[in-house]
Amino acid sequence: MSKFLSVQCAACKAKQTVFGNATETIACAGCGDVICTPTGGRTIVTGKIVEVL
């Protein structure tokens, strides 16, 4: 089941909502660091998952 995740950037602590099965690399809106990387299935989240939406 696919879900949206609220992810907090490890570098600048900004929060961003991302899709759990993202198909492209997602960068933080605040600092530009990569917070999610696609794998073909579930996304690898490099930030902290704050909440499952």
N, C-alpha and C. Protein backbone atom coordinates (compact mmCIF):
# COMPACT_ATOMS: atom_id res chain seq x y z
N MET A 1 0.84 -1.17 0.00
CA MET A 1 0.00 0.00 0.00
C MET A 1 0.89 1.24 0.00
N SER A 2 0.63 2.16 -0.88
CA SER A 2 1.40 3.38 -1.00
C SER A 2 0.84 4.44 -0.06
N LYS A 3 1.74 5.17 0.56
CA LYS A 3 1.33 6.22 1.49
C LYS A 3 2.19 7.46 1.30
N PHE A 4 1.69 8.57 1.78
CA PHE A 4 2.47 9.80 1.81
C PHE A 4 3.18 9.87 3.15
N LEU A 5 4.38 10.43 3.14
CA LEU A 5 5.19 10.53 4.35
C LEU A 5 5.59 11.97 4.58
N SER A 6 5.59 12.38 5.84
CA SER A 6 6.12 13.68 6.22
C SER A 6 7.56 13.41 6.64
N VAL A 7 8.52 13.97 5.90
CA VAL A 7 9.94 13.70 6.11
C VAL A 7 10.64 14.98 6.55
N GLN A 8 11.50 14.85 7.57
CA GLN A 8 12.28 15.97 8.06
C GLN A 8 13.71 15.84 7.57
N CYS A 9 14.24 16.88 6.97
CA CYS A 9 15.61 16.89 6.45
C CYS A 9 16.59 16.79 7.61
N ALA A 10 17.61 15.96 7.46
CA ALA A 10 18.62 15.79 8.51
C ALA A 10 19.51 17.02 8.65
N ALA A 11 19.71 17.75 7.57
CA ALA A 11 20.61 18.90 7.59
C ALA A 11 19.96 20.18 8.15
N CYS A 12 18.78 20.55 7.59
CA CYS A 12 18.20 21.84 7.96
C CYS A 12 16.91 21.72 8.77
N LYS A 13 16.43 20.50 9.01
CA LYS A 13 15.23 20.22 9.81
C LYS A 13 13.93 20.70 9.18
N ALA A 14 13.94 21.03 7.89
CA ALA A 14 12.71 21.41 7.19
C ALA A 14 11.87 20.17 6.93
N LYS A 15 10.55 20.30 6.98
CA LYS A 15 9.64 19.18 6.75
C LYS A 15 9.07 19.27 5.34
N GLN A 16 8.88 18.10 4.73
CA GLN A 16 8.35 18.03 3.38
C GLN A 16 7.53 16.76 3.25
N THR A 17 6.43 16.81 2.50
CA THR A 17 5.59 15.65 2.26
C THR A 17 6.03 14.99 0.96
N VAL A 18 6.29 13.67 1.02
CA VAL A 18 6.73 12.92 -0.15
C VAL A 18 5.89 11.65 -0.29
N PHE A 19 5.88 11.07 -1.48
CA PHE A 19 5.16 9.84 -1.75
C PHE A 19 6.07 8.66 -1.43
N GLY A 20 5.54 7.64 -0.78
CA GLY A 20 6.32 6.49 -0.36
C GLY A 20 6.90 5.66 -1.49
N ASN A 21 6.32 5.77 -2.69
CA ASN A 21 6.83 5.06 -3.86
C ASN A 21 7.27 6.07 -4.93
N ALA A 22 8.03 7.07 -4.54
CA ALA A 22 8.47 8.11 -5.47
C ALA A 22 9.31 7.50 -6.59
N THR A 23 9.20 8.04 -7.80
CA THR A 23 9.92 7.51 -8.95
C THR A 23 11.13 8.36 -9.33
N GLU A 24 11.36 9.44 -8.60
CA GLU A 24 12.54 10.27 -8.87
C GLU A 24 13.13 10.75 -7.56
N THR A 25 14.38 11.16 -7.60
CA THR A 25 15.07 11.65 -6.42
C THR A 25 14.41 12.95 -5.95
N ILE A 26 14.20 13.06 -4.64
CA ILE A 26 13.55 14.24 -4.08
C ILE A 26 14.56 14.99 -3.23
N ALA A 27 14.72 16.28 -3.52
CA ALA A 27 15.64 17.14 -2.78
C ALA A 27 14.86 17.98 -1.78
N CYS A 28 15.50 18.34 -0.69
CA CYS A 28 14.89 19.20 0.32
C CYS A 28 14.60 20.57 -0.28
N ALA A 29 13.43 21.10 0.01
CA ALA A 29 13.05 22.41 -0.50
C ALA A 29 13.85 23.52 0.18
N GLY A 30 14.36 23.26 1.39
CA GLY A 30 15.09 24.28 2.13
C GLY A 30 16.56 24.38 1.75
N CYS A 31 17.26 23.22 1.73
CA CYS A 31 18.71 23.26 1.53
C CYS A 31 19.19 22.53 0.28
N GLY A 32 18.34 21.71 -0.33
CA GLY A 32 18.72 21.02 -1.55
C GLY A 32 19.34 19.64 -1.36
N ASP A 33 19.51 19.19 -0.10
CA ASP A 33 20.04 17.85 0.14
C ASP A 33 19.02 16.80 -0.30
N VAL A 34 19.49 15.64 -0.71
CA VAL A 34 18.59 14.55 -1.12
C VAL A 34 17.96 13.94 0.12
N ILE A 35 16.61 13.87 0.14
CA ILE A 35 15.91 13.27 1.28
C ILE A 35 15.25 11.94 0.93
N CYS A 36 15.05 11.67 -0.37
CA CYS A 36 14.46 10.40 -0.82
C CYS A 36 15.09 9.97 -2.13
N THR A 37 15.36 8.65 -2.23
CA THR A 37 15.94 8.07 -3.43
C THR A 37 15.06 6.92 -3.91
N PRO A 38 14.70 6.87 -5.20
CA PRO A 38 13.85 5.79 -5.70
C PRO A 38 14.62 4.48 -5.84
N THR A 39 13.91 3.36 -5.73
CA THR A 39 14.53 2.05 -5.88
C THR A 39 13.78 1.17 -6.86
N GLY A 40 12.70 1.65 -7.42
CA GLY A 40 11.86 0.83 -8.28
C GLY A 40 10.67 0.29 -7.52
N GLY A 41 10.69 0.41 -6.21
CA GLY A 41 9.59 -0.01 -5.33
C GLY A 41 9.43 1.05 -4.27
N ARG A 42 9.69 0.68 -3.04
CA ARG A 42 9.63 1.64 -1.95
C ARG A 42 10.80 2.62 -2.04
N THR A 43 10.57 3.84 -1.59
CA THR A 43 11.59 4.88 -1.61
C THR A 43 12.52 4.72 -0.42
N ILE A 44 13.82 4.95 -0.63
CA ILE A 44 14.77 4.98 0.48
C ILE A 44 14.76 6.41 1.02
N VAL A 45 14.37 6.56 2.28
CA VAL A 45 14.28 7.88 2.91
C VAL A 45 15.55 8.11 3.71
N THR A 46 16.29 9.18 3.36
CA THR A 46 17.52 9.49 4.08
C THR A 46 17.29 10.50 5.19
N GLY A 47 16.14 11.15 5.18
CA GLY A 47 15.76 12.04 6.28
C GLY A 47 15.02 11.24 7.34
N LYS A 48 14.42 11.94 8.29
CA LYS A 48 13.67 11.30 9.36
C LYS A 48 12.18 11.31 9.03
N ILE A 49 11.53 10.15 9.08
CA ILE A 49 10.08 10.07 8.84
C ILE A 49 9.38 10.54 10.10
N VAL A 50 8.67 11.67 9.99
CA VAL A 50 8.00 12.27 11.13
C VAL A 50 6.60 11.68 11.31
N GLU A 51 5.90 11.47 10.18
CA GLU A 51 4.51 11.02 10.25
C GLU A 51 4.13 10.31 8.95
N VAL A 52 3.30 9.29 9.07
CA VAL A 52 2.73 8.62 7.90
C VAL A 52 1.34 9.20 7.70
N LEU A 53 1.09 9.75 6.54
CA LEU A 53 -0.18 10.43 6.29
C LEU A 53 -1.18 9.54 5.59
